[in-house]
Amino acid sequence: MPSRKKTEIAPVAEATVAIAAETVTEIAAEAPDEKPVKKPAAKKAAPAKKPATKTTKAAAPKETVKIQFGADEYDYAEIKKAVEADYKCKVKDRIKTVEIYIKPEDKAVYYVVNSGFTDKIEL
């Protein structure tokens, strides 16, 4: 049987460990032990305040529409209410659109509701 040679491995391993230990020690010495201190955020200058202004919604002006023909005078708001009431008595449906045609010479109001239903009321 051939004889085996013994090689010395221990000194090589010791040298490698020694270098590794020195490197770790040097790196640990360089690393700071404390956490970095956060710098407080710089305070921004407050924006200049503008003078307070009142912002109010302008209310729609109250409208009154009168139709005069000869000696007669008719109020549009009353005609509109009468048209809506007449339609709701005849058809139980919601009013989406309404067109009103006033003919004072006939003393009548013709109307079209929801582009389909047409009728007439007397003034």
C-alpha atoms as a PDB file:
ATOM      1  CA  MET A   1       0.000   0.000   0.000  1.00  0.00           C
ATOM      2  CA  PRO A   2       1.304   3.373  -0.779  1.00  0.00           C
ATOM      3  CA  SER A   3       2.031   5.573   2.127  1.00  0.00           C
ATOM      4  CA  ARG A   4       0.294   8.835   2.565  1.00  0.00           C
ATOM      5  CA  LYS A   5       2.068  12.038   3.172  1.00  0.00           C
ATOM      6  CA  LYS A   6       0.959  14.181   5.998  1.00  0.00           C
ATOM      7  CA  THR A   7       0.502  17.787   5.155  1.00  0.00           C
ATOM      8  CA  GLU A   8       0.332  20.499   7.665  1.00  0.00           C
ATOM      9  CA  ILE A   9      -2.936  22.288   7.264  1.00  0.00           C
ATOM     10  CA  ALA A  10      -3.134  23.932  10.644  1.00  0.00           C
ATOM     11  CA  PRO A  11      -0.726  26.803  10.030  1.00  0.00           C
ATOM     12  CA  VAL A  12      -2.551  27.803   6.852  1.00  0.00           C
ATOM     13  CA  ALA A  13      -5.908  27.763   8.596  1.00  0.00           C
ATOM     14  CA  GLU A  14      -4.568  29.833  11.476  1.00  0.00           C
ATOM     15  CA  ALA A  15      -3.197  32.436   9.125  1.00  0.00           C
ATOM     16  CA  THR A  16      -6.499  32.716   7.272  1.00  0.00           C
ATOM     17  CA  VAL A  17      -8.431  33.046  10.497  1.00  0.00           C
ATOM     18  CA  ALA A  18      -6.039  35.649  11.795  1.00  0.00           C
ATOM     19  CA  ILE A  19      -6.444  37.786   8.668  1.00  0.00           C
ATOM     20  CA  ALA A  20     -10.183  37.459   8.778  1.00  0.00           C
ATOM     21  CA  ALA A  21     -10.284  38.450  12.438  1.00  0.00           C
ATOM     22  CA  GLU A  22      -8.087  41.506  11.821  1.00  0.00           C
ATOM     23  CA  THR A  23     -10.282  42.601   8.914  1.00  0.00           C
ATOM     24  CA  VAL A  24     -13.449  42.271  11.008  1.00  0.00           C
ATOM     25  CA  THR A  25     -11.829  44.237  13.829  1.00  0.00           C
ATOM     26  CA  GLU A  26     -10.798  47.046  11.485  1.00  0.00           C
ATOM     27  CA  ILE A  27     -14.282  47.242   9.927  1.00  0.00           C
ATOM     28  CA  ALA A  28     -15.938  47.239  13.351  1.00  0.00           C
ATOM     29  CA  ALA A  29     -13.641  50.039  14.518  1.00  0.00           C
ATOM     30  CA  GLU A  30     -14.593  52.182  11.531  1.00  0.00           C
ATOM     31  CA  ALA A  31     -18.357  51.680  11.947  1.00  0.00           C
ATOM     32  CA  PRO A  32     -20.006  54.144  14.326  1.00  0.00           C
ATOM     33  CA  ASP A  33     -21.817  52.626  17.280  1.00  0.00           C
ATOM     34  CA  GLU A  34     -24.387  55.427  17.515  1.00  0.00           C
ATOM     35  CA  LYS A  35     -27.369  55.931  15.285  1.00  0.00           C
ATOM     36  CA  PRO A  36     -27.169  58.933  12.982  1.00  0.00           C
ATOM     37  CA  VAL A  37     -28.808  61.997  14.446  1.00  0.00           C
ATOM     38  CA  LYS A  38     -31.715  63.296  12.401  1.00  0.00           C
ATOM     39  CA  LYS A  39     -31.480  66.952  11.574  1.00  0.00           C
ATOM     40  CA  PRO A  40     -34.637  68.881  12.307  1.00  0.00           C
ATOM     41  CA  ALA A  41     -36.451  69.956   9.169  1.00  0.00           C
ATOM     42  CA  ALA A  42     -35.913  73.543   8.240  1.00  0.00           C
ATOM     43  CA  LYS A  43     -38.963  75.604   9.067  1.00  0.00           C
ATOM     44  CA  LYS A  44     -40.594  77.172   6.065  1.00  0.00           C
ATOM     45  CA  ALA A  45     -41.656  80.732   6.281  1.00  0.00           C
ATOM     46  CA  ALA A  46     -45.412  81.050   6.670  1.00  0.00           C
ATOM     47  CA  PRO A  47     -47.044  82.432   3.513  1.00  0.00           C
ATOM     48  CA  ALA A  48     -48.273  85.953   3.774  1.00  0.00           C
ATOM     49  CA  LYS A  49     -51.921  86.018   4.745  1.00  0.00           C
ATOM     50  CA  LYS A  50     -54.255  87.565   2.251  1.00  0.00           C
ATOM     51  CA  PRO A  51     -57.072  89.710   3.510  1.00  0.00           C
ATOM     52  CA  ALA A  52     -60.244  87.718   3.992  1.00  0.00           C
ATOM     53  CA  THR A  53     -62.808  88.320   1.307  1.00  0.00           C
ATOM     54  CA  LYS A  54     -66.424  87.394   1.487  1.00  0.00           C
ATOM     55  CA  THR A  55     -67.411  84.892  -1.147  1.00  0.00           C
ATOM     56  CA  THR A  56     -71.129  84.634  -1.238  1.00  0.00           C
ATOM     57  CA  LYS A  57     -73.147  83.054  -3.962  1.00  0.00           C
ATOM     58  CA  ALA A  58     -75.231  85.558  -5.738  1.00  0.00           C
ATOM     59  CA  ALA A  59     -78.811  84.410  -5.429  1.00  0.00           C
ATOM     60  CA  ALA A  60     -80.712  84.207  -8.659  1.00  0.00           C
ATOM     61  CA  PRO A  61     -82.995  87.162  -8.997  1.00  0.00           C
ATOM     62  CA  LYS A  62     -86.655  86.523  -8.473  1.00  0.00           C
ATOM     63  CA  GLU A  63     -88.368  86.487 -11.827  1.00  0.00           C
ATOM     64  CA  THR A  64     -91.909  87.505 -12.551  1.00  0.00           C
ATOM     65  CA  VAL A  65     -93.249  87.022 -16.047  1.00  0.00           C
ATOM     66  CA  LYS A  66     -96.550  88.661 -16.961  1.00  0.00           C
ATOM     67  CA  ILE A  67     -98.280  88.227 -20.313  1.00  0.00           C
ATOM     68  CA  GLN A  68    -100.534  91.090 -21.327  1.00  0.00           C
ATOM     69  CA  PHE A  69    -102.922  90.879 -24.231  1.00  0.00           C
ATOM     70  CA  GLY A  70    -105.533  93.542 -24.684  1.00  0.00           C
ATOM     71  CA  ALA A  71    -107.153  94.115 -21.288  1.00  0.00           C
ATOM     72  CA  ASP A  72    -106.073  90.708 -19.914  1.00  0.00           C
ATOM     73  CA  GLU A  73    -102.950  89.891 -17.911  1.00  0.00           C
ATOM     74  CA  TYR A  74    -101.624  86.387 -17.176  1.00  0.00           C
ATOM     75  CA  ASP A  75     -98.916  85.304 -14.739  1.00  0.00           C
ATOM     76  CA  TYR A  76     -96.444  82.748 -16.146  1.00  0.00           C
ATOM     77  CA  ALA A  77     -95.816  81.087 -12.737  1.00  0.00           C
ATOM     78  CA  GLU A  78     -99.545  80.373 -12.371  1.00  0.00           C
ATOM     79  CA  ILE A  79     -99.748  79.032 -15.944  1.00  0.00           C
ATOM     80  CA  LYS A  80     -96.791  76.712 -15.284  1.00  0.00           C
ATOM     81  CA  LYS A  81     -98.393  75.372 -12.084  1.00  0.00           C
ATOM     82  CA  ALA A  82    -101.680  74.815 -13.911  1.00  0.00           C
ATOM     83  CA  VAL A  83     -99.919  72.907 -16.732  1.00  0.00           C
ATOM     84  CA  GLU A  84     -98.052  70.658 -14.250  1.00  0.00           C
ATOM     85  CA  ALA A  85    -101.220  69.995 -12.237  1.00  0.00           C
ATOM     86  CA  ASP A  86    -103.222  69.168 -15.396  1.00  0.00           C
ATOM     87  CA  TYR A  87    -100.536  66.757 -16.614  1.00  0.00           C
ATOM     88  CA  LYS A  88    -100.234  64.995 -13.220  1.00  0.00           C
ATOM     89  CA  CYS A  89    -104.029  64.537 -13.074  1.00  0.00           C
ATOM     90  CA  LYS A  90    -104.047  62.881 -16.505  1.00  0.00           C
ATOM     91  CA  VAL A  91    -100.705  61.009 -16.472  1.00  0.00           C
ATOM     92  CA  LYS A  92     -98.985  59.683 -13.350  1.00  0.00           C
ATOM     93  CA  ASP A  93     -95.477  60.125 -14.733  1.00  0.00           C
ATOM     94  CA  ARG A  94     -92.524  62.351 -13.880  1.00  0.00           C
ATOM     95  CA  ILE A  95     -92.092  65.546 -15.878  1.00  0.00           C
ATOM     96  CA  LYS A  96     -88.653  65.624 -17.523  1.00  0.00           C
ATOM     97  CA  THR A  97     -89.239  68.307 -20.135  1.00  0.00           C
ATOM     98  CA  VAL A  98     -92.105  70.696 -20.720  1.00  0.00           C
ATOM     99  CA  GLU A  99     -92.819  73.109 -23.549  1.00  0.00           C
ATOM    100  CA  ILE A 100     -95.491  75.756 -22.981  1.00  0.00           C
ATOM    101  CA  TYR A 101     -97.183  77.709 -25.777  1.00  0.00           C
ATOM    102  CA  ILE A 102     -99.394  80.591 -24.657  1.00  0.00           C
ATOM    103  CA  LYS A 103    -101.982  81.871 -27.146  1.00  0.00           C
ATOM    104  CA  PRO A 104    -103.722  84.839 -25.515  1.00  0.00           C
ATOM    105  CA  GLU A 105    -105.960  85.413 -28.577  1.00  0.00           C
ATOM    106  CA  ASP A 106    -107.423  81.903 -28.027  1.00  0.00           C
ATOM    107  CA  LYS A 107    -107.283  82.283 -24.226  1.00  0.00           C
ATOM    108  CA  ALA A 108    -105.546  78.904 -24.158  1.00  0.00           C
ATOM    109  CA  VAL A 109    -102.218  77.316 -23.226  1.00  0.00           C
ATOM    110  CA  TYR A 110    -100.913  74.399 -25.255  1.00  0.00           C
ATOM    111  CA  TYR A 111     -98.205  72.216 -23.749  1.00  0.00           C
ATOM    112  CA  VAL A 112     -95.968  69.251 -24.607  1.00  0.00           C
ATOM    113  CA  VAL A 113     -94.555  67.118 -21.800  1.00  0.00           C
ATOM    114  CA  ASN A 114     -91.630  64.703 -22.226  1.00  0.00           C
ATOM    115  CA  SER A 115     -91.715  65.216 -26.017  1.00  0.00           C
ATOM    116  CA  GLY A 116     -94.801  63.024 -26.341  1.00  0.00           C
ATOM    117  CA  PHE A 117     -97.870  64.104 -24.399  1.00  0.00           C
ATOM    118  CA  THR A 118     -99.706  67.167 -25.699  1.00  0.00           C
ATOM    119  CA  ASP A 119    -102.748  68.900 -24.323  1.00  0.00           C
ATOM    120  CA  LYS A 120    -104.424  72.262 -23.810  1.00  0.00           C
ATOM    121  CA  ILE A 121    -105.779  74.215 -20.841  1.00  0.00           C
ATOM    122  CA  GLU A 122    -107.995  77.294 -20.830  1.00  0.00           C
ATOM    123  CA  LEU A 123    -106.740  80.574 -19.402  1.00  0.00           C
END
